[in-house]
Amino acid sequence: GWTLWSAEIPVSAKSSTVQLCAKA
């Protein structure tokens, strides 16, 4: 079966856009 995941991650205070990545 699938594994469901969740996370809370810090982002740069200086950026207006960010790229999120995931790898299992």
PDBML (XML) file of the C-alpha atoms, coordinates in Angstrom:
<?xml version="1.0" encoding="UTF-8" ?>
<PDBx:datablock datablockName="MODEL"
   xmlns:PDBx="http://pdbml.pdb.org/schema/pdbx-v50.xsd"
   xmlns:xsi="http://www.w3.org/2001/XMLSchema-instance"
   xsi:schemaLocation="http://pdbml.pdb.org/schema/pdbx-v50.xsd pdbx-v50.xsd">
   <PDBx:atom_siteCategory>
      <PDBx:atom_site id="1">
         <PDBx:B_iso_or_equiv>0.00</PDBx:B_iso_or_equiv>
         <PDBx:Cartn_x>0.000</PDBx:Cartn_x>
         <PDBx:Cartn_y>0.000</PDBx:Cartn_y>
         <PDBx:Cartn_z>0.000</PDBx:Cartn_z>
         <PDBx:auth_asym_id>A</PDBx:auth_asym_id>
         <PDBx:auth_atom_id>CA</PDBx:auth_atom_id>
         <PDBx:auth_comp_id>GLY</PDBx:auth_comp_id>
         <PDBx:auth_seq_id>1</PDBx:auth_seq_id>
         <PDBx:group_PDB>ATOM</PDBx:group_PDB>
         <PDBx:label_alt_id xsi:nil="true" />
         <PDBx:label_asym_id>A</PDBx:label_asym_id>
         <PDBx:label_atom_id>CA</PDBx:label_atom_id>
         <PDBx:label_comp_id>GLY</PDBx:label_comp_id>
         <PDBx:label_entity_id>1</PDBx:label_entity_id>
         <PDBx:label_seq_id>1</PDBx:label_seq_id>
         <PDBx:occupancy>1.00</PDBx:occupancy>
         <PDBx:pdbx_PDB_model_num>1</PDBx:pdbx_PDB_model_num>
         <PDBx:type_symbol>C</PDBx:type_symbol>
      </PDBx:atom_site>
      <PDBx:atom_site id="2">
         <PDBx:B_iso_or_equiv>0.00</PDBx:B_iso_or_equiv>
         <PDBx:Cartn_x>0.748</PDBx:Cartn_x>
         <PDBx:Cartn_y>3.698</PDBx:Cartn_y>
         <PDBx:Cartn_z>-0.186</PDBx:Cartn_z>
         <PDBx:auth_asym_id>A</PDBx:auth_asym_id>
         <PDBx:auth_atom_id>CA</PDBx:auth_atom_id>
         <PDBx:auth_comp_id>TRP</PDBx:auth_comp_id>
         <PDBx:auth_seq_id>2</PDBx:auth_seq_id>
         <PDBx:group_PDB>ATOM</PDBx:group_PDB>
         <PDBx:label_alt_id xsi:nil="true" />
         <PDBx:label_asym_id>A</PDBx:label_asym_id>
         <PDBx:label_atom_id>CA</PDBx:label_atom_id>
         <PDBx:label_comp_id>TRP</PDBx:label_comp_id>
         <PDBx:label_entity_id>1</PDBx:label_entity_id>
         <PDBx:label_seq_id>2</PDBx:label_seq_id>
         <PDBx:occupancy>1.00</PDBx:occupancy>
         <PDBx:pdbx_PDB_model_num>1</PDBx:pdbx_PDB_model_num>
         <PDBx:type_symbol>C</PDBx:type_symbol>
      </PDBx:atom_site>
      <PDBx:atom_site id="3">
         <PDBx:B_iso_or_equiv>0.00</PDBx:B_iso_or_equiv>
         <PDBx:Cartn_x>2.411</PDBx:Cartn_x>
         <PDBx:Cartn_y>5.568</PDBx:Cartn_y>
         <PDBx:Cartn_z>2.652</PDBx:Cartn_z>
         <PDBx:auth_asym_id>A</PDBx:auth_asym_id>
         <PDBx:auth_atom_id>CA</PDBx:auth_atom_id>
         <PDBx:auth_comp_id>THR</PDBx:auth_comp_id>
         <PDBx:auth_seq_id>3</PDBx:auth_seq_id>
         <PDBx:group_PDB>ATOM</PDBx:group_PDB>
         <PDBx:label_alt_id xsi:nil="true" />
         <PDBx:label_asym_id>A</PDBx:label_asym_id>
         <PDBx:label_atom_id>CA</PDBx:label_atom_id>
         <PDBx:label_comp_id>THR</PDBx:label_comp_id>
         <PDBx:label_entity_id>1</PDBx:label_entity_id>
         <PDBx:label_seq_id>3</PDBx:label_seq_id>
         <PDBx:occupancy>1.00</PDBx:occupancy>
         <PDBx:pdbx_PDB_model_num>1</PDBx:pdbx_PDB_model_num>
         <PDBx:type_symbol>C</PDBx:type_symbol>
      </PDBx:atom_site>
      <PDBx:atom_site id="4">
         <PDBx:B_iso_or_equiv>0.00</PDBx:B_iso_or_equiv>
         <PDBx:Cartn_x>0.944</PDBx:Cartn_x>
         <PDBx:Cartn_y>8.986</PDBx:Cartn_y>
         <PDBx:Cartn_z>3.447</PDBx:Cartn_z>
         <PDBx:auth_asym_id>A</PDBx:auth_asym_id>
         <PDBx:auth_atom_id>CA</PDBx:auth_atom_id>
         <PDBx:auth_comp_id>LEU</PDBx:auth_comp_id>
         <PDBx:auth_seq_id>4</PDBx:auth_seq_id>
         <PDBx:group_PDB>ATOM</PDBx:group_PDB>
         <PDBx:label_alt_id xsi:nil="true" />
         <PDBx:label_asym_id>A</PDBx:label_asym_id>
         <PDBx:label_atom_id>CA</PDBx:label_atom_id>
         <PDBx:label_comp_id>LEU</PDBx:label_comp_id>
         <PDBx:label_entity_id>1</PDBx:label_entity_id>
         <PDBx:label_seq_id>4</PDBx:label_seq_id>
         <PDBx:occupancy>1.00</PDBx:occupancy>
         <PDBx:pdbx_PDB_model_num>1</PDBx:pdbx_PDB_model_num>
         <PDBx:type_symbol>C</PDBx:type_symbol>
      </PDBx:atom_site>
      <PDBx:atom_site id="5">
         <PDBx:B_iso_or_equiv>0.00</PDBx:B_iso_or_equiv>
         <PDBx:Cartn_x>3.356</PDBx:Cartn_x>
         <PDBx:Cartn_y>11.578</PDBx:Cartn_y>
         <PDBx:Cartn_z>4.774</PDBx:Cartn_z>
         <PDBx:auth_asym_id>A</PDBx:auth_asym_id>
         <PDBx:auth_atom_id>CA</PDBx:auth_atom_id>
         <PDBx:auth_comp_id>TRP</PDBx:auth_comp_id>
         <PDBx:auth_seq_id>5</PDBx:auth_seq_id>
         <PDBx:group_PDB>ATOM</PDBx:group_PDB>
         <PDBx:label_alt_id xsi:nil="true" />
         <PDBx:label_asym_id>A</PDBx:label_asym_id>
         <PDBx:label_atom_id>CA</PDBx:label_atom_id>
         <PDBx:label_comp_id>TRP</PDBx:label_comp_id>
         <PDBx:label_entity_id>1</PDBx:label_entity_id>
         <PDBx:label_seq_id>5</PDBx:label_seq_id>
         <PDBx:occupancy>1.00</PDBx:occupancy>
         <PDBx:pdbx_PDB_model_num>1</PDBx:pdbx_PDB_model_num>
         <PDBx:type_symbol>C</PDBx:type_symbol>
      </PDBx:atom_site>
      <PDBx:atom_site id="6">
         <PDBx:B_iso_or_equiv>0.00</PDBx:B_iso_or_equiv>
         <PDBx:Cartn_x>3.199</PDBx:Cartn_x>
         <PDBx:Cartn_y>15.101</PDBx:Cartn_y>
         <PDBx:Cartn_z>6.173</PDBx:Cartn_z>
         <PDBx:auth_asym_id>A</PDBx:auth_asym_id>
         <PDBx:auth_atom_id>CA</PDBx:auth_atom_id>
         <PDBx:auth_comp_id>SER</PDBx:auth_comp_id>
         <PDBx:auth_seq_id>6</PDBx:auth_seq_id>
         <PDBx:group_PDB>ATOM</PDBx:group_PDB>
         <PDBx:label_alt_id xsi:nil="true" />
         <PDBx:label_asym_id>A</PDBx:label_asym_id>
         <PDBx:label_atom_id>CA</PDBx:label_atom_id>
         <PDBx:label_comp_id>SER</PDBx:label_comp_id>
         <PDBx:label_entity_id>1</PDBx:label_entity_id>
         <PDBx:label_seq_id>6</PDBx:label_seq_id>
         <PDBx:occupancy>1.00</PDBx:occupancy>
         <PDBx:pdbx_PDB_model_num>1</PDBx:pdbx_PDB_model_num>
         <PDBx:type_symbol>C</PDBx:type_symbol>
      </PDBx:atom_site>
      <PDBx:atom_site id="7">
         <PDBx:B_iso_or_equiv>0.00</PDBx:B_iso_or_equiv>
         <PDBx:Cartn_x>5.797</PDBx:Cartn_x>
         <PDBx:Cartn_y>17.660</PDBx:Cartn_y>
         <PDBx:Cartn_z>7.161</PDBx:Cartn_z>
         <PDBx:auth_asym_id>A</PDBx:auth_asym_id>
         <PDBx:auth_atom_id>CA</PDBx:auth_atom_id>
         <PDBx:auth_comp_id>ALA</PDBx:auth_comp_id>
         <PDBx:auth_seq_id>7</PDBx:auth_seq_id>
         <PDBx:group_PDB>ATOM</PDBx:group_PDB>
         <PDBx:label_alt_id xsi:nil="true" />
         <PDBx:label_asym_id>A</PDBx:label_asym_id>
         <PDBx:label_atom_id>CA</PDBx:label_atom_id>
         <PDBx:label_comp_id>ALA</PDBx:label_comp_id>
         <PDBx:label_entity_id>1</PDBx:label_entity_id>
         <PDBx:label_seq_id>7</PDBx:label_seq_id>
         <PDBx:occupancy>1.00</PDBx:occupancy>
         <PDBx:pdbx_PDB_model_num>1</PDBx:pdbx_PDB_model_num>
         <PDBx:type_symbol>C</PDBx:type_symbol>
      </PDBx:atom_site>
      <PDBx:atom_site id="8">
         <PDBx:B_iso_or_equiv>0.00</PDBx:B_iso_or_equiv>
         <PDBx:Cartn_x>6.233</PDBx:Cartn_x>
         <PDBx:Cartn_y>21.186</PDBx:Cartn_y>
         <PDBx:Cartn_z>8.417</PDBx:Cartn_z>
         <PDBx:auth_asym_id>A</PDBx:auth_asym_id>
         <PDBx:auth_atom_id>CA</PDBx:auth_atom_id>
         <PDBx:auth_comp_id>GLU</PDBx:auth_comp_id>
         <PDBx:auth_seq_id>8</PDBx:auth_seq_id>
         <PDBx:group_PDB>ATOM</PDBx:group_PDB>
         <PDBx:label_alt_id xsi:nil="true" />
         <PDBx:label_asym_id>A</PDBx:label_asym_id>
         <PDBx:label_atom_id>CA</PDBx:label_atom_id>
         <PDBx:label_comp_id>GLU</PDBx:label_comp_id>
         <PDBx:label_entity_id>1</PDBx:label_entity_id>
         <PDBx:label_seq_id>8</PDBx:label_seq_id>
         <PDBx:occupancy>1.00</PDBx:occupancy>
         <PDBx:pdbx_PDB_model_num>1</PDBx:pdbx_PDB_model_num>
         <PDBx:type_symbol>C</PDBx:type_symbol>
      </PDBx:atom_site>
      <PDBx:atom_site id="9">
         <PDBx:B_iso_or_equiv>0.00</PDBx:B_iso_or_equiv>
         <PDBx:Cartn_x>9.290</PDBx:Cartn_x>
         <PDBx:Cartn_y>22.812</PDBx:Cartn_y>
         <PDBx:Cartn_z>6.895</PDBx:Cartn_z>
         <PDBx:auth_asym_id>A</PDBx:auth_asym_id>
         <PDBx:auth_atom_id>CA</PDBx:auth_atom_id>
         <PDBx:auth_comp_id>ILE</PDBx:auth_comp_id>
         <PDBx:auth_seq_id>9</PDBx:auth_seq_id>
         <PDBx:group_PDB>ATOM</PDBx:group_PDB>
         <PDBx:label_alt_id xsi:nil="true" />
         <PDBx:label_asym_id>A</PDBx:label_asym_id>
         <PDBx:label_atom_id>CA</PDBx:label_atom_id>
         <PDBx:label_comp_id>ILE</PDBx:label_comp_id>
         <PDBx:label_entity_id>1</PDBx:label_entity_id>
         <PDBx:label_seq_id>9</PDBx:label_seq_id>
         <PDBx:occupancy>1.00</PDBx:occupancy>
         <PDBx:pdbx_PDB_model_num>1</PDBx:pdbx_PDB_model_num>
         <PDBx:type_symbol>C</PDBx:type_symbol>
      </PDBx:atom_site>
      <PDBx:atom_site id="10">
         <PDBx:B_iso_or_equiv>0.00</PDBx:B_iso_or_equiv>
         <PDBx:Cartn_x>11.075</PDBx:Cartn_x>
         <PDBx:Cartn_y>26.156</PDBx:Cartn_y>
         <PDBx:Cartn_z>7.289</PDBx:Cartn_z>
         <PDBx:auth_asym_id>A</PDBx:auth_asym_id>
         <PDBx:auth_atom_id>CA</PDBx:auth_atom_id>
         <PDBx:auth_comp_id>PRO</PDBx:auth_comp_id>
         <PDBx:auth_seq_id>10</PDBx:auth_seq_id>
         <PDBx:group_PDB>ATOM</PDBx:group_PDB>
         <PDBx:label_alt_id xsi:nil="true" />
         <PDBx:label_asym_id>A</PDBx:label_asym_id>
         <PDBx:label_atom_id>CA</PDBx:label_atom_id>
         <PDBx:label_comp_id>PRO</PDBx:label_comp_id>
         <PDBx:label_entity_id>1</PDBx:label_entity_id>
         <PDBx:label_seq_id>10</PDBx:label_seq_id>
         <PDBx:occupancy>1.00</PDBx:occupancy>
         <PDBx:pdbx_PDB_model_num>1</PDBx:pdbx_PDB_model_num>
         <PDBx:type_symbol>C</PDBx:type_symbol>
      </PDBx:atom_site>
      <PDBx:atom_site id="11">
         <PDBx:B_iso_or_equiv>0.00</PDBx:B_iso_or_equiv>
         <PDBx:Cartn_x>11.194</PDBx:Cartn_x>
         <PDBx:Cartn_y>28.539</PDBx:Cartn_y>
         <PDBx:Cartn_z>4.324</PDBx:Cartn_z>
         <PDBx:auth_asym_id>A</PDBx:auth_asym_id>
         <PDBx:auth_atom_id>CA</PDBx:auth_atom_id>
         <PDBx:auth_comp_id>VAL</PDBx:auth_comp_id>
         <PDBx:auth_seq_id>11</PDBx:auth_seq_id>
         <PDBx:group_PDB>ATOM</PDBx:group_PDB>
         <PDBx:label_alt_id xsi:nil="true" />
         <PDBx:label_asym_id>A</PDBx:label_asym_id>
         <PDBx:label_atom_id>CA</PDBx:label_atom_id>
         <PDBx:label_comp_id>VAL</PDBx:label_comp_id>
         <PDBx:label_entity_id>1</PDBx:label_entity_id>
         <PDBx:label_seq_id>11</PDBx:label_seq_id>
         <PDBx:occupancy>1.00</PDBx:occupancy>
         <PDBx:pdbx_PDB_model_num>1</PDBx:pdbx_PDB_model_num>
         <PDBx:type_symbol>C</PDBx:type_symbol>
      </PDBx:atom_site>
      <PDBx:atom_site id="12">
         <PDBx:B_iso_or_equiv>0.00</PDBx:B_iso_or_equiv>
         <PDBx:Cartn_x>13.379</PDBx:Cartn_x>
         <PDBx:Cartn_y>31.546</PDBx:Cartn_y>
         <PDBx:Cartn_z>3.657</PDBx:Cartn_z>
         <PDBx:auth_asym_id>A</PDBx:auth_asym_id>
         <PDBx:auth_atom_id>CA</PDBx:auth_atom_id>
         <PDBx:auth_comp_id>SER</PDBx:auth_comp_id>
         <PDBx:auth_seq_id>12</PDBx:auth_seq_id>
         <PDBx:group_PDB>ATOM</PDBx:group_PDB>
         <PDBx:label_alt_id xsi:nil="true" />
         <PDBx:label_asym_id>A</PDBx:label_asym_id>
         <PDBx:label_atom_id>CA</PDBx:label_atom_id>
         <PDBx:label_comp_id>SER</PDBx:label_comp_id>
         <PDBx:label_entity_id>1</PDBx:label_entity_id>
         <PDBx:label_seq_id>12</PDBx:label_seq_id>
         <PDBx:occupancy>1.00</PDBx:occupancy>
         <PDBx:pdbx_PDB_model_num>1</PDBx:pdbx_PDB_model_num>
         <PDBx:type_symbol>C</PDBx:type_symbol>
      </PDBx:atom_site>
      <PDBx:atom_site id="13">
         <PDBx:B_iso_or_equiv>0.00</PDBx:B_iso_or_equiv>
         <PDBx:Cartn_x>12.074</PDBx:Cartn_x>
         <PDBx:Cartn_y>34.836</PDBx:Cartn_y>
         <PDBx:Cartn_z>5.014</PDBx:Cartn_z>
         <PDBx:auth_asym_id>A</PDBx:auth_asym_id>
         <PDBx:auth_atom_id>CA</PDBx:auth_atom_id>
         <PDBx:auth_comp_id>ALA</PDBx:auth_comp_id>
         <PDBx:auth_seq_id>13</PDBx:auth_seq_id>
         <PDBx:group_PDB>ATOM</PDBx:group_PDB>
         <PDBx:label_alt_id xsi:nil="true" />
         <PDBx:label_asym_id>A</PDBx:label_asym_id>
         <PDBx:label_atom_id>CA</PDBx:label_atom_id>
         <PDBx:label_comp_id>ALA</PDBx:label_comp_id>
         <PDBx:label_entity_id>1</PDBx:label_entity_id>
         <PDBx:label_seq_id>13</PDBx:label_seq_id>
         <PDBx:occupancy>1.00</PDBx:occupancy>
         <PDBx:pdbx_PDB_model_num>1</PDBx:pdbx_PDB_model_num>
         <PDBx:type_symbol>C</PDBx:type_symbol>
      </PDBx:atom_site>
      <PDBx:atom_site id="14">
         <PDBx:B_iso_or_equiv>0.00</PDBx:B_iso_or_equiv>
         <PDBx:Cartn_x>13.789</PDBx:Cartn_x>
         <PDBx:Cartn_y>36.610</PDBx:Cartn_y>
         <PDBx:Cartn_z>2.107</PDBx:Cartn_z>
         <PDBx:auth_asym_id>A</PDBx:auth_asym_id>
         <PDBx:auth_atom_id>CA</PDBx:auth_atom_id>
         <PDBx:auth_comp_id>LYS</PDBx:auth_comp_id>
         <PDBx:auth_seq_id>14</PDBx:auth_seq_id>
         <PDBx:group_PDB>ATOM</PDBx:group_PDB>
         <PDBx:label_alt_id xsi:nil="true" />
         <PDBx:label_asym_id>A</PDBx:label_asym_id>
         <PDBx:label_atom_id>CA</PDBx:label_atom_id>
         <PDBx:label_comp_id>LYS</PDBx:label_comp_id>
         <PDBx:label_entity_id>1</PDBx:label_entity_id>
         <PDBx:label_seq_id>14</PDBx:label_seq_id>
         <PDBx:occupancy>1.00</PDBx:occupancy>
         <PDBx:pdbx_PDB_model_num>1</PDBx:pdbx_PDB_model_num>
         <PDBx:type_symbol>C</PDBx:type_symbol>
      </PDBx:atom_site>
      <PDBx:atom_site id="15">
         <PDBx:B_iso_or_equiv>0.00</PDBx:B_iso_or_equiv>
         <PDBx:Cartn_x>12.059</PDBx:Cartn_x>
         <PDBx:Cartn_y>34.727</PDBx:Cartn_y>
         <PDBx:Cartn_z>-0.690</PDBx:Cartn_z>
         <PDBx:auth_asym_id>A</PDBx:auth_asym_id>
         <PDBx:auth_atom_id>CA</PDBx:auth_atom_id>
         <PDBx:auth_comp_id>SER</PDBx:auth_comp_id>
         <PDBx:auth_seq_id>15</PDBx:auth_seq_id>
         <PDBx:group_PDB>ATOM</PDBx:group_PDB>
         <PDBx:label_alt_id xsi:nil="true" />
         <PDBx:label_asym_id>A</PDBx:label_asym_id>
         <PDBx:label_atom_id>CA</PDBx:label_atom_id>
         <PDBx:label_comp_id>SER</PDBx:label_comp_id>
         <PDBx:label_entity_id>1</PDBx:label_entity_id>
         <PDBx:label_seq_id>15</PDBx:label_seq_id>
         <PDBx:occupancy>1.00</PDBx:occupancy>
         <PDBx:pdbx_PDB_model_num>1</PDBx:pdbx_PDB_model_num>
         <PDBx:type_symbol>C</PDBx:type_symbol>
      </PDBx:atom_site>
      <PDBx:atom_site id="16">
         <PDBx:B_iso_or_equiv>0.00</PDBx:B_iso_or_equiv>
         <PDBx:Cartn_x>8.654</PDBx:Cartn_x>
         <PDBx:Cartn_y>35.322</PDBx:Cartn_y>
         <PDBx:Cartn_z>-2.247</PDBx:Cartn_z>
         <PDBx:auth_asym_id>A</PDBx:auth_asym_id>
         <PDBx:auth_atom_id>CA</PDBx:auth_atom_id>
         <PDBx:auth_comp_id>SER</PDBx:auth_comp_id>
         <PDBx:auth_seq_id>16</PDBx:auth_seq_id>
         <PDBx:group_PDB>ATOM</PDBx:group_PDB>
         <PDBx:label_alt_id xsi:nil="true" />
         <PDBx:label_asym_id>A</PDBx:label_asym_id>
         <PDBx:label_atom_id>CA</PDBx:label_atom_id>
         <PDBx:label_comp_id>SER</PDBx:label_comp_id>
         <PDBx:label_entity_id>1</PDBx:label_entity_id>
         <PDBx:label_seq_id>16</PDBx:label_seq_id>
         <PDBx:occupancy>1.00</PDBx:occupancy>
         <PDBx:pdbx_PDB_model_num>1</PDBx:pdbx_PDB_model_num>
         <PDBx:type_symbol>C</PDBx:type_symbol>
      </PDBx:atom_site>
      <PDBx:atom_site id="17">
         <PDBx:B_iso_or_equiv>0.00</PDBx:B_iso_or_equiv>
         <PDBx:Cartn_x>8.710</PDBx:Cartn_x>
         <PDBx:Cartn_y>31.990</PDBx:Cartn_y>
         <PDBx:Cartn_z>-4.104</PDBx:Cartn_z>
         <PDBx:auth_asym_id>A</PDBx:auth_asym_id>
         <PDBx:auth_atom_id>CA</PDBx:auth_atom_id>
         <PDBx:auth_comp_id>THR</PDBx:auth_comp_id>
         <PDBx:auth_seq_id>17</PDBx:auth_seq_id>
         <PDBx:group_PDB>ATOM</PDBx:group_PDB>
         <PDBx:label_alt_id xsi:nil="true" />
         <PDBx:label_asym_id>A</PDBx:label_asym_id>
         <PDBx:label_atom_id>CA</PDBx:label_atom_id>
         <PDBx:label_comp_id>THR</PDBx:label_comp_id>
         <PDBx:label_entity_id>1</PDBx:label_entity_id>
         <PDBx:label_seq_id>17</PDBx:label_seq_id>
         <PDBx:occupancy>1.00</PDBx:occupancy>
         <PDBx:pdbx_PDB_model_num>1</PDBx:pdbx_PDB_model_num>
         <PDBx:type_symbol>C</PDBx:type_symbol>
      </PDBx:atom_site>
      <PDBx:atom_site id="18">
         <PDBx:B_iso_or_equiv>0.00</PDBx:B_iso_or_equiv>
         <PDBx:Cartn_x>10.228</PDBx:Cartn_x>
         <PDBx:Cartn_y>28.658</PDBx:Cartn_y>
         <PDBx:Cartn_z>-3.133</PDBx:Cartn_z>
         <PDBx:auth_asym_id>A</PDBx:auth_asym_id>
         <PDBx:auth_atom_id>CA</PDBx:auth_atom_id>
         <PDBx:auth_comp_id>VAL</PDBx:auth_comp_id>
         <PDBx:auth_seq_id>18</PDBx:auth_seq_id>
         <PDBx:group_PDB>ATOM</PDBx:group_PDB>
         <PDBx:label_alt_id xsi:nil="true" />
         <PDBx:label_asym_id>A</PDBx:label_asym_id>
         <PDBx:label_atom_id>CA</PDBx:label_atom_id>
         <PDBx:label_comp_id>VAL</PDBx:label_comp_id>
         <PDBx:label_entity_id>1</PDBx:label_entity_id>
         <PDBx:label_seq_id>18</PDBx:label_seq_id>
         <PDBx:occupancy>1.00</PDBx:occupancy>
         <PDBx:pdbx_PDB_model_num>1</PDBx:pdbx_PDB_model_num>
         <PDBx:type_symbol>C</PDBx:type_symbol>
      </PDBx:atom_site>
      <PDBx:atom_site id="19">
         <PDBx:B_iso_or_equiv>0.00</PDBx:B_iso_or_equiv>
         <PDBx:Cartn_x>10.571</PDBx:Cartn_x>
         <PDBx:Cartn_y>25.231</PDBx:Cartn_y>
         <PDBx:Cartn_z>-4.674</PDBx:Cartn_z>
         <PDBx:auth_asym_id>A</PDBx:auth_asym_id>
         <PDBx:auth_atom_id>CA</PDBx:auth_atom_id>
         <PDBx:auth_comp_id>GLN</PDBx:auth_comp_id>
         <PDBx:auth_seq_id>19</PDBx:auth_seq_id>
         <PDBx:group_PDB>ATOM</PDBx:group_PDB>
         <PDBx:label_alt_id xsi:nil="true" />
         <PDBx:label_asym_id>A</PDBx:label_asym_id>
         <PDBx:label_atom_id>CA</PDBx:label_atom_id>
         <PDBx:label_comp_id>GLN</PDBx:label_comp_id>
         <PDBx:label_entity_id>1</PDBx:label_entity_id>
         <PDBx:label_seq_id>19</PDBx:label_seq_id>
         <PDBx:occupancy>1.00</PDBx:occupancy>
         <PDBx:pdbx_PDB_model_num>1</PDBx:pdbx_PDB_model_num>
         <PDBx:type_symbol>C</PDBx:type_symbol>
      </PDBx:atom_site>
      <PDBx:atom_site id="20">
         <PDBx:B_iso_or_equiv>0.00</PDBx:B_iso_or_equiv>
         <PDBx:Cartn_x>9.431</PDBx:Cartn_x>
         <PDBx:Cartn_y>22.317</PDBx:Cartn_y>
         <PDBx:Cartn_z>-2.548</PDBx:Cartn_z>
         <PDBx:auth_asym_id>A</PDBx:auth_asym_id>
         <PDBx:auth_atom_id>CA</PDBx:auth_atom_id>
         <PDBx:auth_comp_id>LEU</PDBx:auth_comp_id>
         <PDBx:auth_seq_id>20</PDBx:auth_seq_id>
         <PDBx:group_PDB>ATOM</PDBx:group_PDB>
         <PDBx:label_alt_id xsi:nil="true" />
         <PDBx:label_asym_id>A</PDBx:label_asym_id>
         <PDBx:label_atom_id>CA</PDBx:label_atom_id>
         <PDBx:label_comp_id>LEU</PDBx:label_comp_id>
         <PDBx:label_entity_id>1</PDBx:label_entity_id>
         <PDBx:label_seq_id>20</PDBx:label_seq_id>
         <PDBx:occupancy>1.00</PDBx:occupancy>
         <PDBx:pdbx_PDB_model_num>1</PDBx:pdbx_PDB_model_num>
         <PDBx:type_symbol>C</PDBx:type_symbol>
      </PDBx:atom_site>
      <PDBx:atom_site id="21">
         <PDBx:B_iso_or_equiv>0.00</PDBx:B_iso_or_equiv>
         <PDBx:Cartn_x>10.947</PDBx:Cartn_x>
         <PDBx:Cartn_y>18.854</PDBx:Cartn_y>
         <PDBx:Cartn_z>-3.139</PDBx:Cartn_z>
         <PDBx:auth_asym_id>A</PDBx:auth_asym_id>
         <PDBx:auth_atom_id>CA</PDBx:auth_atom_id>
         <PDBx:auth_comp_id>CYS</PDBx:auth_comp_id>
         <PDBx:auth_seq_id>21</PDBx:auth_seq_id>
         <PDBx:group_PDB>ATOM</PDBx:group_PDB>
         <PDBx:label_alt_id xsi:nil="true" />
         <PDBx:label_asym_id>A</PDBx:label_asym_id>
         <PDBx:label_atom_id>CA</PDBx:label_atom_id>
         <PDBx:label_comp_id>CYS</PDBx:label_comp_id>
         <PDBx:label_entity_id>1</PDBx:label_entity_id>
         <PDBx:label_seq_id>21</PDBx:label_seq_id>
         <PDBx:occupancy>1.00</PDBx:occupancy>
         <PDBx:pdbx_PDB_model_num>1</PDBx:pdbx_PDB_model_num>
         <PDBx:type_symbol>C</PDBx:type_symbol>
      </PDBx:atom_site>
      <PDBx:atom_site id="22">
         <PDBx:B_iso_or_equiv>0.00</PDBx:B_iso_or_equiv>
         <PDBx:Cartn_x>10.236</PDBx:Cartn_x>
         <PDBx:Cartn_y>15.334</PDBx:Cartn_y>
         <PDBx:Cartn_z>-1.905</PDBx:Cartn_z>
         <PDBx:auth_asym_id>A</PDBx:auth_asym_id>
         <PDBx:auth_atom_id>CA</PDBx:auth_atom_id>
         <PDBx:auth_comp_id>ALA</PDBx:auth_comp_id>
         <PDBx:auth_seq_id>22</PDBx:auth_seq_id>
         <PDBx:group_PDB>ATOM</PDBx:group_PDB>
         <PDBx:label_alt_id xsi:nil="true" />
         <PDBx:label_asym_id>A</PDBx:label_asym_id>
         <PDBx:label_atom_id>CA</PDBx:label_atom_id>
         <PDBx:label_comp_id>ALA</PDBx:label_comp_id>
         <PDBx:label_entity_id>1</PDBx:label_entity_id>
         <PDBx:label_seq_id>22</PDBx:label_seq_id>
         <PDBx:occupancy>1.00</PDBx:occupancy>
         <PDBx:pdbx_PDB_model_num>1</PDBx:pdbx_PDB_model_num>
         <PDBx:type_symbol>C</PDBx:type_symbol>
      </PDBx:atom_site>
      <PDBx:atom_site id="23">
         <PDBx:B_iso_or_equiv>0.00</PDBx:B_iso_or_equiv>
         <PDBx:Cartn_x>12.117</PDBx:Cartn_x>
         <PDBx:Cartn_y>12.042</PDBx:Cartn_y>
         <PDBx:Cartn_z>-2.207</PDBx:Cartn_z>
         <PDBx:auth_asym_id>A</PDBx:auth_asym_id>
         <PDBx:auth_atom_id>CA</PDBx:auth_atom_id>
         <PDBx:auth_comp_id>LYS</PDBx:auth_comp_id>
         <PDBx:auth_seq_id>23</PDBx:auth_seq_id>
         <PDBx:group_PDB>ATOM</PDBx:group_PDB>
         <PDBx:label_alt_id xsi:nil="true" />
         <PDBx:label_asym_id>A</PDBx:label_asym_id>
         <PDBx:label_atom_id>CA</PDBx:label_atom_id>
         <PDBx:label_comp_id>LYS</PDBx:label_comp_id>
         <PDBx:label_entity_id>1</PDBx:label_entity_id>
         <PDBx:label_seq_id>23</PDBx:label_seq_id>
         <PDBx:occupancy>1.00</PDBx:occupancy>
         <PDBx:pdbx_PDB_model_num>1</PDBx:pdbx_PDB_model_num>
         <PDBx:type_symbol>C</PDBx:type_symbol>
      </PDBx:atom_site>
      <PDBx:atom_site id="24">
         <PDBx:B_iso_or_equiv>0.00</PDBx:B_iso_or_equiv>
         <PDBx:Cartn_x>11.286</PDBx:Cartn_x>
         <PDBx:Cartn_y>8.709</PDBx:Cartn_y>
         <PDBx:Cartn_z>-0.609</PDBx:Cartn_z>
         <PDBx:auth_asym_id>A</PDBx:auth_asym_id>
         <PDBx:auth_atom_id>CA</PDBx:auth_atom_id>
         <PDBx:auth_comp_id>ALA</PDBx:auth_comp_id>
         <PDBx:auth_seq_id>24</PDBx:auth_seq_id>
         <PDBx:group_PDB>ATOM</PDBx:group_PDB>
         <PDBx:label_alt_id xsi:nil="true" />
         <PDBx:label_asym_id>A</PDBx:label_asym_id>
         <PDBx:label_atom_id>CA</PDBx:label_atom_id>
         <PDBx:label_comp_id>ALA</PDBx:label_comp_id>
         <PDBx:label_entity_id>1</PDBx:label_entity_id>
         <PDBx:label_seq_id>24</PDBx:label_seq_id>
         <PDBx:occupancy>1.00</PDBx:occupancy>
         <PDBx:pdbx_PDB_model_num>1</PDBx:pdbx_PDB_model_num>
         <PDBx:type_symbol>C</PDBx:type_symbol>
      </PDBx:atom_site>
   </PDBx:atom_siteCategory>
</PDBx:datablock>
